[in-house]
Amino acid sequence: GKHAGHVAKSQAITLEQALPLFTISGARSLGEWADFITLERPQSEM
């Protein structure tokens, strides 16, 4: 909320597209893998 508006709004992606970018792809590049994480509730509900 620090900055108003959107940047290249037409380039927004879905949660299903974003998850691999921040999970599998990052882990693969570092060679580190977590088995899984526990969240407060499913991301699909957030």
ModelCIF file with pLDDT and N, C-alpha, C, O atoms, coordinates in Angstrom:
data_MODEL
#
_entry.id   MODEL 
#
_entity.id                         1 
_entity.type                       polymer 
_entity.pdbx_number_of_molecules   1 
#
_entity_poly.entity_id                      1 
_entity_poly.type                           'polypeptide(L)' 
_entity_poly.nstd_linkage                   no 
_entity_poly.nstd_monomer                   no 
_entity_poly.pdbx_seq_one_letter_code       GKHAGHVAKSQAITLEQALPLFTISGARSLGEWADFITLERPQSEM 
_entity_poly.pdbx_seq_one_letter_code_can   GKHAGHVAKSQAITLEQALPLFTISGARSLGEWADFITLERPQSEM 
_entity_poly.pdbx_strand_id                 A 
#
loop_
_entity_poly_seq.entity_id 
_entity_poly_seq.num 
_entity_poly_seq.mon_id 
_entity_poly_seq.hetero 
1 1  GLY n 
1 2  LYS n 
1 3  HIS n 
1 4  ALA n 
1 5  GLY n 
1 6  HIS n 
1 7  VAL n 
1 8  ALA n 
1 9  LYS n 
1 10 SER n 
1 11 GLN n 
1 12 ALA n 
1 13 ILE n 
1 14 THR n 
1 15 LEU n 
1 16 GLU n 
1 17 GLN n 
1 18 ALA n 
1 19 LEU n 
1 20 PRO n 
1 21 LEU n 
1 22 PHE n 
1 23 THR n 
1 24 ILE n 
1 25 SER n 
1 26 GLY n 
1 27 ALA n 
1 28 ARG n 
1 29 SER n 
1 30 LEU n 
1 31 GLY n 
1 32 GLU n 
1 33 TRP n 
1 34 ALA n 
1 35 ASP n 
1 36 PHE n 
1 37 ILE n 
1 38 THR n 
1 39 LEU n 
1 40 GLU n 
1 41 ARG n 
1 42 PRO n 
1 43 GLN n 
1 44 SER n 
1 45 GLU n 
1 46 MET n 
#
_struct_asym.id          A 
_struct_asym.entity_id   1 
#
loop_
_ma_qa_metric.id 
_ma_qa_metric.mode 
_ma_qa_metric.name 
_ma_qa_metric.software_group_id 
_ma_qa_metric.type 
1 global pLDDT . pLDDT 
2 local  pLDDT . pLDDT 
#
_ma_qa_metric_global.metric_id      1 
_ma_qa_metric_global.metric_value   88.80 
_ma_qa_metric_global.model_id       1 
_ma_qa_metric_global.ordinal_id     1 
#
loop_
_ma_qa_metric_local.label_asym_id 
_ma_qa_metric_local.label_comp_id 
_ma_qa_metric_local.label_seq_id 
_ma_qa_metric_local.metric_id 
_ma_qa_metric_local.metric_value 
_ma_qa_metric_local.model_id 
_ma_qa_metric_local.ordinal_id 
A GLY 1  2 80.00 1 1  
A LYS 2  2 88.00 1 2  
A HIS 3  2 88.00 1 3  
A ALA 4  2 90.00 1 4  
A GLY 5  2 90.00 1 5  
A HIS 6  2 88.00 1 6  
A VAL 7  2 90.00 1 7  
A ALA 8  2 90.00 1 8  
A LYS 9  2 89.00 1 9  
A SER 10 2 92.00 1 10 
A GLN 11 2 92.00 1 11 
A ALA 12 2 92.00 1 12 
A ILE 13 2 93.00 1 13 
A THR 14 2 93.00 1 14 
A LEU 15 2 91.00 1 15 
A GLU 16 2 92.00 1 16 
A GLN 17 2 94.00 1 17 
A ALA 18 2 91.00 1 18 
A LEU 19 2 89.00 1 19 
A PRO 20 2 90.00 1 20 
A LEU 21 2 88.00 1 21 
A PHE 22 2 82.00 1 22 
A THR 23 2 85.00 1 23 
A ILE 24 2 87.00 1 24 
A SER 25 2 87.00 1 25 
A GLY 26 2 81.00 1 26 
A ALA 27 2 84.00 1 27 
A ARG 28 2 88.00 1 28 
A SER 29 2 88.00 1 29 
A LEU 30 2 85.00 1 30 
A GLY 31 2 85.00 1 31 
A GLU 32 2 81.00 1 32 
A TRP 33 2 77.00 1 33 
A ALA 34 2 77.00 1 34 
A ASP 35 2 86.00 1 35 
A PHE 36 2 88.00 1 36 
A ILE 37 2 90.00 1 37 
A THR 38 2 94.00 1 38 
A LEU 39 2 95.00 1 39 
A GLU 40 2 95.00 1 40 
A ARG 41 2 95.00 1 41 
A PRO 42 2 94.00 1 42 
A GLN 43 2 91.00 1 43 
A SER 44 2 91.00 1 44 
A GLU 45 2 95.00 1 45 
A MET 46 2 94.00 1 46 
#
loop_
_atom_site.group_PDB 
_atom_site.id 
_atom_site.type_symbol 
_atom_site.label_atom_id 
_atom_site.label_alt_id 
_atom_site.label_comp_id 
_atom_site.label_asym_id 
_atom_site.label_entity_id 
_atom_site.label_seq_id 
_atom_site.pdbx_PDB_ins_code 
_atom_site.Cartn_x 
_atom_site.Cartn_y 
_atom_site.Cartn_z 
_atom_site.occupancy 
_atom_site.B_iso_or_equiv 
_atom_site.pdbx_formal_charge 
_atom_site.auth_seq_id 
_atom_site.auth_comp_id 
_atom_site.auth_asym_id 
_atom_site.auth_atom_id 
_atom_site.pdbx_PDB_model_num 
ATOM 1   N N  . GLY A 1 1  ? 0.784  -1.222  0.000   1.00 80.00 ? 1  GLY A N  1 
ATOM 2   C CA . GLY A 1 1  ? 0.000  0.000   0.000   1.00 80.00 ? 1  GLY A CA 1 
ATOM 3   C C  . GLY A 1 1  ? 0.818  1.275   0.000   1.00 80.00 ? 1  GLY A C  1 
ATOM 4   O O  . GLY A 1 1  ? 0.254  2.368   0.053   1.00 80.00 ? 1  GLY A O  1 
ATOM 5   N N  . LYS A 1 2  ? 2.135  1.159   -0.059  1.00 88.00 ? 2  LYS A N  1 
ATOM 6   C CA . LYS A 1 2  ? 3.009  2.345   -0.050  1.00 88.00 ? 2  LYS A CA 1 
ATOM 7   C C  . LYS A 1 2  ? 2.928  3.128   -1.354  1.00 88.00 ? 2  LYS A C  1 
ATOM 8   O O  . LYS A 1 2  ? 3.103  4.347   -1.365  1.00 88.00 ? 2  LYS A O  1 
ATOM 9   N N  . HIS A 1 3  ? 2.662  2.427   -2.450  1.00 88.00 ? 3  HIS A N  1 
ATOM 10  C CA . HIS A 1 3  ? 2.632  3.061   -3.766  1.00 88.00 ? 3  HIS A CA 1 
ATOM 11  C C  . HIS A 1 3  ? 1.293  2.777   -4.431  1.00 88.00 ? 3  HIS A C  1 
ATOM 12  O O  . HIS A 1 3  ? 0.880  1.623   -4.543  1.00 88.00 ? 3  HIS A O  1 
ATOM 13  N N  . ALA A 1 4  ? 0.627  3.815   -4.862  1.00 90.00 ? 4  ALA A N  1 
ATOM 14  C CA . ALA A 1 4  ? -0.686 3.665   -5.495  1.00 90.00 ? 4  ALA A CA 1 
ATOM 15  C C  . ALA A 1 4  ? -0.550 3.198   -6.939  1.00 90.00 ? 4  ALA A C  1 
ATOM 16  O O  . ALA A 1 4  ? 0.506  3.341   -7.556  1.00 90.00 ? 4  ALA A O  1 
ATOM 17  N N  . GLY A 1 5  ? -1.622 2.644   -7.459  1.00 90.00 ? 5  GLY A N  1 
ATOM 18  C CA . GLY A 1 5  ? -1.668 2.263   -8.862  1.00 90.00 ? 5  GLY A CA 1 
ATOM 19  C C  . GLY A 1 5  ? -1.082 0.897   -9.139  1.00 90.00 ? 5  GLY A C  1 
ATOM 20  O O  . GLY A 1 5  ? -0.779 0.122   -8.232  1.00 90.00 ? 5  GLY A O  1 
ATOM 21  N N  . HIS A 1 6  ? -0.932 0.629   -10.421 1.00 88.00 ? 6  HIS A N  1 
ATOM 22  C CA . HIS A 1 6  ? -0.429 -0.653  -10.908 1.00 88.00 ? 6  HIS A CA 1 
ATOM 23  C C  . HIS A 1 6  ? 0.697  -0.410  -11.904 1.00 88.00 ? 6  HIS A C  1 
ATOM 24  O O  . HIS A 1 6  ? 0.763  0.643   -12.538 1.00 88.00 ? 6  HIS A O  1 
ATOM 25  N N  . VAL A 1 7  ? 1.573  -1.386  -12.034 1.00 90.00 ? 7  VAL A N  1 
ATOM 26  C CA . VAL A 1 7  ? 2.629  -1.349  -13.040 1.00 90.00 ? 7  VAL A CA 1 
ATOM 27  C C  . VAL A 1 7  ? 2.328  -2.455  -14.039 1.00 90.00 ? 7  VAL A C  1 
ATOM 28  O O  . VAL A 1 7  ? 2.261  -3.627  -13.670 1.00 90.00 ? 7  VAL A O  1 
ATOM 29  N N  . ALA A 1 8  ? 2.149  -2.093  -15.287 1.00 90.00 ? 8  ALA A N  1 
ATOM 30  C CA . ALA A 1 8  ? 1.889  -3.059  -16.358 1.00 90.00 ? 8  ALA A CA 1 
ATOM 31  C C  . ALA A 1 8  ? 0.809  -4.061  -15.947 1.00 90.00 ? 8  ALA A C  1 
ATOM 32  O O  . ALA A 1 8  ? 1.027  -5.273  -15.973 1.00 90.00 ? 8  ALA A O  1 
ATOM 33  N N  . LYS A 1 9  ? -0.348 -3.542  -15.571 1.00 89.00 ? 9  LYS A N  1 
ATOM 34  C CA . LYS A 1 9  ? -1.448 -4.369  -15.086 1.00 89.00 ? 9  LYS A CA 1 
ATOM 35  C C  . LYS A 1 9  ? -1.786 -5.525  -16.014 1.00 89.00 ? 9  LYS A C  1 
ATOM 36  O O  . LYS A 1 9  ? -2.202 -6.587  -15.553 1.00 89.00 ? 9  LYS A O  1 
ATOM 37  N N  . SER A 1 10 ? -1.612 -5.332  -17.307 1.00 92.00 ? 10 SER A N  1 
ATOM 38  C CA . SER A 1 10 ? -1.925 -6.391  -18.267 1.00 92.00 ? 10 SER A CA 1 
ATOM 39  C C  . SER A 1 10 ? -0.977 -7.585  -18.153 1.00 92.00 ? 10 SER A C  1 
ATOM 40  O O  . SER A 1 10 ? -1.238 -8.637  -18.737 1.00 92.00 ? 10 SER A O  1 
ATOM 41  N N  . GLN A 1 11 ? 0.123  -7.433  -17.406 1.00 92.00 ? 11 GLN A N  1 
ATOM 42  C CA . GLN A 1 11 ? 1.080  -8.519  -17.230 1.00 92.00 ? 11 GLN A CA 1 
ATOM 43  C C  . GLN A 1 11 ? 0.841  -9.320  -15.949 1.00 92.00 ? 11 GLN A C  1 
ATOM 44  O O  . GLN A 1 11 ? 1.648  -10.181 -15.599 1.00 92.00 ? 11 GLN A O  1 
ATOM 45  N N  . ALA A 1 12 ? -0.255 -9.045  -15.252 1.00 92.00 ? 12 ALA A N  1 
ATOM 46  C CA . ALA A 1 12 ? -0.580 -9.809  -14.043 1.00 92.00 ? 12 ALA A CA 1 
ATOM 47  C C  . ALA A 1 12 ? -0.728 -11.289 -14.405 1.00 92.00 ? 12 ALA A C  1 
ATOM 48  O O  . ALA A 1 12 ? -1.161 -11.627 -15.507 1.00 92.00 ? 12 ALA A O  1 
ATOM 49  N N  . ILE A 1 13 ? -0.364 -12.166 -13.465 1.00 93.00 ? 13 ILE A N  1 
ATOM 50  C CA . ILE A 1 13 ? -0.470 -13.602 -13.688 1.00 93.00 ? 13 ILE A CA 1 
ATOM 51  C C  . ILE A 1 13 ? -1.319 -14.211 -12.566 1.00 93.00 ? 13 ILE A C  1 
ATOM 52  O O  . ILE A 1 13 ? -1.571 -13.567 -11.548 1.00 93.00 ? 13 ILE A O  1 
ATOM 53  N N  . THR A 1 14 ? -1.745 -15.435 -12.763 1.00 93.00 ? 14 THR A N  1 
ATOM 54  C CA . THR A 1 14 ? -2.570 -16.124 -11.778 1.00 93.00 ? 14 THR A CA 1 
ATOM 55  C C  . THR A 1 14 ? -1.700 -16.687 -10.652 1.00 93.00 ? 14 THR A C  1 
ATOM 56  O O  . THR A 1 14 ? -0.479 -16.788 -10.775 1.00 93.00 ? 14 THR A O  1 
ATOM 57  N N  . LEU A 1 15 ? -2.358 -17.047 -9.563  1.00 91.00 ? 15 LEU A N  1 
ATOM 58  C CA . LEU A 1 15 ? -1.651 -17.689 -8.453  1.00 91.00 ? 15 LEU A CA 1 
ATOM 59  C C  . LEU A 1 15 ? -0.989 -18.985 -8.927  1.00 91.00 ? 15 LEU A C  1 
ATOM 60  O O  . LEU A 1 15 ? 0.135  -19.290 -8.529  1.00 91.00 ? 15 LEU A O  1 
ATOM 61  N N  . GLU A 1 16 ? -1.679 -19.740 -9.767  1.00 92.00 ? 16 GLU A N  1 
ATOM 62  C CA . GLU A 1 16 ? -1.127 -21.004 -10.273 1.00 92.00 ? 16 GLU A CA 1 
ATOM 63  C C  . GLU A 1 16 ? 0.136  -20.782 -11.104 1.00 92.00 ? 16 GLU A C  1 
ATOM 64  O O  . GLU A 1 16 ? 1.031  -21.627 -11.107 1.00 92.00 ? 16 GLU A O  1 
ATOM 65  N N  . GLN A 1 17 ? 0.212  -19.665 -11.800 1.00 94.00 ? 17 GLN A N  1 
ATOM 66  C CA . GLN A 1 17 ? 1.413  -19.338 -12.577 1.00 94.00 ? 17 GLN A CA 1 
ATOM 67  C C  . GLN A 1 17 ? 2.528  -18.816 -11.672 1.00 94.00 ? 17 GLN A C  1 
ATOM 68  O O  . GLN A 1 17 ? 3.703  -19.084 -11.922 1.00 94.00 ? 17 GLN A O  1 
ATOM 69  N N  . ALA A 1 18 ? 2.170  -18.076 -10.628 1.00 91.00 ? 18 ALA A N  1 
ATOM 70  C CA . ALA A 1 18 ? 3.164  -17.452 -9.754  1.00 91.00 ? 18 ALA A CA 1 
ATOM 71  C C  . ALA A 1 18 ? 3.816  -18.437 -8.788  1.00 91.00 ? 18 ALA A C  1 
ATOM 72  O O  . ALA A 1 18 ? 5.002  -18.306 -8.487  1.00 91.00 ? 18 ALA A O  1 
ATOM 73  N N  . LEU A 1 19 ? 3.074  -19.407 -8.304  1.00 89.00 ? 19 LEU A N  1 
ATOM 74  C CA . LEU A 1 19 ? 3.618  -20.323 -7.296  1.00 89.00 ? 19 LEU A CA 1 
ATOM 75  C C  . LEU A 1 19 ? 4.924  -21.004 -7.715  1.00 89.00 ? 19 LEU A C  1 
ATOM 76  O O  . LEU A 1 19 ? 5.876  -20.997 -6.935  1.00 89.00 ? 19 LEU A O  1 
ATOM 77  N N  . PRO A 1 20 ? 5.009  -21.589 -8.908  1.00 90.00 ? 20 PRO A N  1 
ATOM 78  C CA . PRO A 1 20 ? 6.277  -22.218 -9.292  1.00 90.00 ? 20 PRO A CA 1 
ATOM 79  C C  . PRO A 1 20 ? 7.448  -21.228 -9.345  1.00 90.00 ? 20 PRO A C  1 
ATOM 80  O O  . PRO A 1 20 ? 8.589  -21.595 -9.065  1.00 90.00 ? 20 PRO A O  1 
ATOM 81  N N  . LEU A 1 21 ? 7.163  -19.994 -9.700  1.00 88.00 ? 21 LEU A N  1 
ATOM 82  C CA . LEU A 1 21 ? 8.236  -19.000 -9.779  1.00 88.00 ? 21 LEU A CA 1 
ATOM 83  C C  . LEU A 1 21 ? 8.885  -18.760 -8.417  1.00 88.00 ? 21 LEU A C  1 
ATOM 84  O O  . LEU A 1 21 ? 10.090 -18.524 -8.332  1.00 88.00 ? 21 LEU A O  1 
ATOM 85  N N  . PHE A 1 22 ? 8.088  -18.820 -7.361  1.00 82.00 ? 22 PHE A N  1 
ATOM 86  C CA . PHE A 1 22 ? 8.590  -18.526 -6.026  1.00 82.00 ? 22 PHE A CA 1 
ATOM 87  C C  . PHE A 1 22 ? 8.868  -19.767 -5.192  1.00 82.00 ? 22 PHE A C  1 
ATOM 88  O O  . PHE A 1 22 ? 9.338  -19.655 -4.060  1.00 82.00 ? 22 PHE A O  1 
ATOM 89  N N  . THR A 1 23 ? 8.587  -20.937 -5.727  1.00 85.00 ? 23 THR A N  1 
ATOM 90  C CA . THR A 1 23 ? 8.814  -22.169 -4.969  1.00 85.00 ? 23 THR A CA 1 
ATOM 91  C C  . THR A 1 23 ? 9.802  -23.068 -5.706  1.00 85.00 ? 23 THR A C  1 
ATOM 92  O O  . THR A 1 23 ? 10.994 -23.064 -5.401  1.00 85.00 ? 23 THR A O  1 
ATOM 93  N N  . ILE A 1 24 ? 9.317  -23.823 -6.659  1.00 87.00 ? 24 ILE A N  1 
ATOM 94  C CA . ILE A 1 24 ? 10.150 -24.799 -7.361  1.00 87.00 ? 24 ILE A CA 1 
ATOM 95  C C  . ILE A 1 24 ? 11.329 -24.144 -8.079  1.00 87.00 ? 24 ILE A C  1 
ATOM 96  O O  . ILE A 1 24 ? 12.459 -24.623 -7.979  1.00 87.00 ? 24 ILE A O  1 
ATOM 97  N N  . SER A 1 25 ? 11.075 -23.061 -8.795  1.00 87.00 ? 25 SER A N  1 
ATOM 98  C CA . SER A 1 25 ? 12.156 -22.419 -9.557  1.00 87.00 ? 25 SER A CA 1 
ATOM 99  C C  . SER A 1 25 ? 13.241 -21.871 -8.640  1.00 87.00 ? 25 SER A C  1 
ATOM 100 O O  . SER A 1 25 ? 14.430 -22.025 -8.919  1.00 87.00 ? 25 SER A O  1 
ATOM 101 N N  . GLY A 1 26 ? 12.835 -21.232 -7.546  1.00 81.00 ? 26 GLY A N  1 
ATOM 102 C CA . GLY A 1 26 ? 13.816 -20.713 -6.593  1.00 81.00 ? 26 GLY A CA 1 
ATOM 103 C C  . GLY A 1 26 ? 14.605 -21.821 -5.925  1.00 81.00 ? 26 GLY A C  1 
ATOM 104 O O  . GLY A 1 26 ? 15.822 -21.719 -5.769  1.00 81.00 ? 26 GLY A O  1 
ATOM 105 N N  . ALA A 1 27 ? 13.913 -22.881 -5.529  1.00 84.00 ? 27 ALA A N  1 
ATOM 106 C CA . ALA A 1 27 ? 14.589 -24.014 -4.886  1.00 84.00 ? 27 ALA A CA 1 
ATOM 107 C C  . ALA A 1 27 ? 15.564 -24.684 -5.850  1.00 84.00 ? 27 ALA A C  1 
ATOM 108 O O  . ALA A 1 27 ? 16.677 -25.050 -5.471  1.00 84.00 ? 27 ALA A O  1 
ATOM 109 N N  . ARG A 1 28 ? 15.139 -24.836 -7.082  1.00 88.00 ? 28 ARG A N  1 
ATOM 110 C CA . ARG A 1 28 ? 16.004 -25.466 -8.090  1.00 88.00 ? 28 ARG A CA 1 
ATOM 111 C C  . ARG A 1 28 ? 17.270 -24.633 -8.312  1.00 88.00 ? 28 ARG A C  1 
ATOM 112 O O  . ARG A 1 28 ? 18.366 -25.183 -8.418  1.00 88.00 ? 28 ARG A O  1 
ATOM 113 N N  . SER A 1 29 ? 17.119 -23.316 -8.382  1.00 88.00 ? 29 SER A N  1 
ATOM 114 C CA . SER A 1 29 ? 18.286 -22.471 -8.641  1.00 88.00 ? 29 SER A CA 1 
ATOM 115 C C  . SER A 1 29 ? 19.270 -22.492 -7.478  1.00 88.00 ? 29 SER A C  1 
ATOM 116 O O  . SER A 1 29 ? 20.472 -22.320 -7.681  1.00 88.00 ? 29 SER A O  1 
ATOM 117 N N  . LEU A 1 30 ? 18.771 -22.700 -6.260  1.00 85.00 ? 30 LEU A N  1 
ATOM 118 C CA . LEU A 1 30 ? 19.645 -22.750 -5.084  1.00 85.00 ? 30 LEU A CA 1 
ATOM 119 C C  . LEU A 1 30 ? 20.091 -24.170 -4.743  1.00 85.00 ? 30 LEU A C  1 
ATOM 120 O O  . LEU A 1 30 ? 21.000 -24.366 -3.936  1.00 85.00 ? 30 LEU A O  1 
ATOM 121 N N  . GLY A 1 31 ? 19.452 -25.147 -5.357  1.00 85.00 ? 31 GLY A N  1 
ATOM 122 C CA . GLY A 1 31 ? 19.769 -26.532 -5.035  1.00 85.00 ? 31 GLY A CA 1 
ATOM 123 C C  . GLY A 1 31 ? 19.270 -26.923 -3.659  1.00 85.00 ? 31 GLY A C  1 
ATOM 124 O O  . GLY A 1 31 ? 19.789 -27.865 -3.061  1.00 85.00 ? 31 GLY A O  1 
ATOM 125 N N  . GLU A 1 32 ? 18.271 -26.218 -3.145  1.00 81.00 ? 32 GLU A N  1 
ATOM 126 C CA . GLU A 1 32 ? 17.694 -26.496 -1.826  1.00 81.00 ? 32 GLU A CA 1 
ATOM 127 C C  . GLU A 1 32 ? 16.209 -26.735 -1.973  1.00 81.00 ? 32 GLU A C  1 
ATOM 128 O O  . GLU A 1 32 ? 15.517 -25.982 -2.658  1.00 81.00 ? 32 GLU A O  1 
ATOM 129 N N  . TRP A 1 33 ? 15.722 -27.770 -1.341  1.00 77.00 ? 33 TRP A N  1 
ATOM 130 C CA . TRP A 1 33 ? 14.314 -28.117 -1.464  1.00 77.00 ? 33 TRP A CA 1 
ATOM 131 C C  . TRP A 1 33 ? 13.709 -28.327 -0.087  1.00 77.00 ? 33 TRP A C  1 
ATOM 132 O O  . TRP A 1 33 ? 14.275 -29.049 0.734   1.00 77.00 ? 33 TRP A O  1 
ATOM 133 N N  . ALA A 1 34 ? 12.590 -27.717 0.170   1.00 77.00 ? 34 ALA A N  1 
ATOM 134 C CA . ALA A 1 34 ? 11.805 -28.034 1.364   1.00 77.00 ? 34 ALA A CA 1 
ATOM 135 C C  . ALA A 1 34 ? 10.818 -29.119 0.971   1.00 77.00 ? 34 ALA A C  1 
ATOM 136 O O  . ALA A 1 34 ? 10.331 -29.148 -0.160  1.00 77.00 ? 34 ALA A O  1 
ATOM 137 N N  . ASP A 1 35 ? 10.525 -30.009 1.910   1.00 86.00 ? 35 ASP A N  1 
ATOM 138 C CA . ASP A 1 35 ? 9.506  -31.018 1.638   1.00 86.00 ? 35 ASP A CA 1 
ATOM 139 C C  . ASP A 1 35 ? 8.149  -30.332 1.492   1.00 86.00 ? 35 ASP A C  1 
ATOM 140 O O  . ASP A 1 35 ? 7.414  -30.577 0.535   1.00 86.00 ? 35 ASP A O  1 
ATOM 141 N N  . PHE A 1 36 ? 7.833  -29.475 2.453   1.00 88.00 ? 36 PHE A N  1 
ATOM 142 C CA . PHE A 1 36 ? 6.612  -28.691 2.376   1.00 88.00 ? 36 PHE A CA 1 
ATOM 143 C C  . PHE A 1 36 ? 6.606  -27.646 3.481   1.00 88.00 ? 36 PHE A C  1 
ATOM 144 O O  . PHE A 1 36 ? 7.388  -27.717 4.429   1.00 88.00 ? 36 PHE A O  1 
ATOM 145 N N  . ILE A 1 37 ? 5.715  -26.681 3.341   1.00 90.00 ? 37 ILE A N  1 
ATOM 146 C CA . ILE A 1 37 ? 5.510  -25.680 4.378   1.00 90.00 ? 37 ILE A CA 1 
ATOM 147 C C  . ILE A 1 37 ? 4.062  -25.759 4.832   1.00 90.00 ? 37 ILE A C  1 
ATOM 148 O O  . ILE A 1 37 ? 3.186  -26.216 4.098   1.00 90.00 ? 37 ILE A O  1 
ATOM 149 N N  . THR A 1 38 ? 3.827  -25.304 6.057   1.00 94.00 ? 38 THR A N  1 
ATOM 150 C CA . THR A 1 38 ? 2.479  -25.249 6.602   1.00 94.00 ? 38 THR A CA 1 
ATOM 151 C C  . THR A 1 38 ? 2.069  -23.788 6.685   1.00 94.00 ? 38 THR A C  1 
ATOM 152 O O  . THR A 1 38 ? 2.789  -22.953 7.233   1.00 94.00 ? 38 THR A O  1 
ATOM 153 N N  . LEU A 1 39 ? 0.905  -23.497 6.134   1.00 95.00 ? 39 LEU A N  1 
ATOM 154 C CA . LEU A 1 39 ? 0.366  -22.143 6.159   1.00 95.00 ? 39 LEU A CA 1 
ATOM 155 C C  . LEU A 1 39 ? -0.875 -22.098 7.037   1.00 95.00 ? 39 LEU A C  1 
ATOM 156 O O  . LEU A 1 39 ? -1.459 -23.131 7.365   1.00 95.00 ? 39 LEU A O  1 
ATOM 157 N N  . GLU A 1 40 ? -1.266 -20.889 7.412   1.00 95.00 ? 40 GLU A N  1 
ATOM 158 C CA . GLU A 1 40 ? -2.451 -20.695 8.238   1.00 95.00 ? 40 GLU A CA 1 
ATOM 159 C C  . GLU A 1 40 ? -3.715 -21.228 7.563   1.00 95.00 ? 40 GLU A C  1 
ATOM 160 O O  . GLU A 1 40 ? -4.575 -21.824 8.210   1.00 95.00 ? 40 GLU A O  1 
ATOM 161 N N  . ARG A 1 41 ? -3.809 -21.004 6.264   1.00 95.00 ? 41 ARG A N  1 
ATOM 162 C CA . ARG A 1 41 ? -4.930 -21.498 5.466   1.00 95.00 ? 41 ARG A CA 1 
ATOM 163 C C  . ARG A 1 41 ? -4.481 -21.549 4.004   1.00 95.00 ? 41 ARG A C  1 
ATOM 164 O O  . ARG A 1 41 ? -3.442 -20.984 3.664   1.00 95.00 ? 41 ARG A O  1 
ATOM 165 N N  . PRO A 1 42 ? -5.240 -22.209 3.143   1.00 94.00 ? 42 PRO A N  1 
ATOM 166 C CA . PRO A 1 42 ? -4.839 -22.324 1.735   1.00 94.00 ? 42 PRO A CA 1 
ATOM 167 C C  . PRO A 1 42 ? -4.704 -20.959 1.056   1.00 94.00 ? 42 PRO A C  1 
ATOM 168 O O  . PRO A 1 42 ? -5.504 -20.053 1.288   1.00 94.00 ? 42 PRO A O  1 
ATOM 169 N N  . GLN A 1 43 ? -3.692 -20.834 0.230   1.00 91.00 ? 43 GLN A N  1 
ATOM 170 C CA . GLN A 1 43 ? -3.480 -19.584 -0.504  1.00 91.00 ? 43 GLN A CA 1 
ATOM 171 C C  . GLN A 1 43 ? -4.654 -19.253 -1.408  1.00 91.00 ? 43 GLN A C  1 
ATOM 172 O O  . GLN A 1 43 ? -4.920 -18.080 -1.669  1.00 91.00 ? 43 GLN A O  1 
ATOM 173 N N  . SER A 1 44 ? -5.347 -20.250 -1.880  1.00 91.00 ? 44 SER A N  1 
ATOM 174 C CA . SER A 1 44 ? -6.499 -20.016 -2.750  1.00 91.00 ? 44 SER A CA 1 
ATOM 175 C C  . SER A 1 44 ? -7.621 -19.277 -2.023  1.00 91.00 ? 44 SER A C  1 
ATOM 176 O O  . SER A 1 44 ? -8.521 -18.733 -2.663  1.00 91.00 ? 44 SER A O  1 
ATOM 177 N N  . GLU A 1 45 ? -7.574 -19.253 -0.699  1.00 95.00 ? 45 GLU A N  1 
ATOM 178 C CA . GLU A 1 45 ? -8.575 -18.541 0.102   1.00 95.00 ? 45 GLU A CA 1 
ATOM 179 C C  . GLU A 1 45 ? -8.089 -17.156 0.524   1.00 95.00 ? 45 GLU A C  1 
ATOM 180 O O  . GLU A 1 45 ? -8.797 -16.445 1.237   1.00 95.00 ? 45 GLU A O  1 
ATOM 181 N N  . MET A 1 46 ? -6.885 -16.764 0.090   1.00 94.00 ? 46 MET A N  1 
ATOM 182 C CA . MET A 1 46 ? -6.286 -15.495 0.506   1.00 94.00 ? 46 MET A CA 1 
ATOM 183 C C  . MET A 1 46 ? -6.367 -14.454 -0.597  1.00 94.00 ? 46 MET A C  1 
ATOM 184 O O  . MET A 1 46 ? -5.909 -13.326 -0.417  1.00 94.00 ? 46 MET A O  1 
#
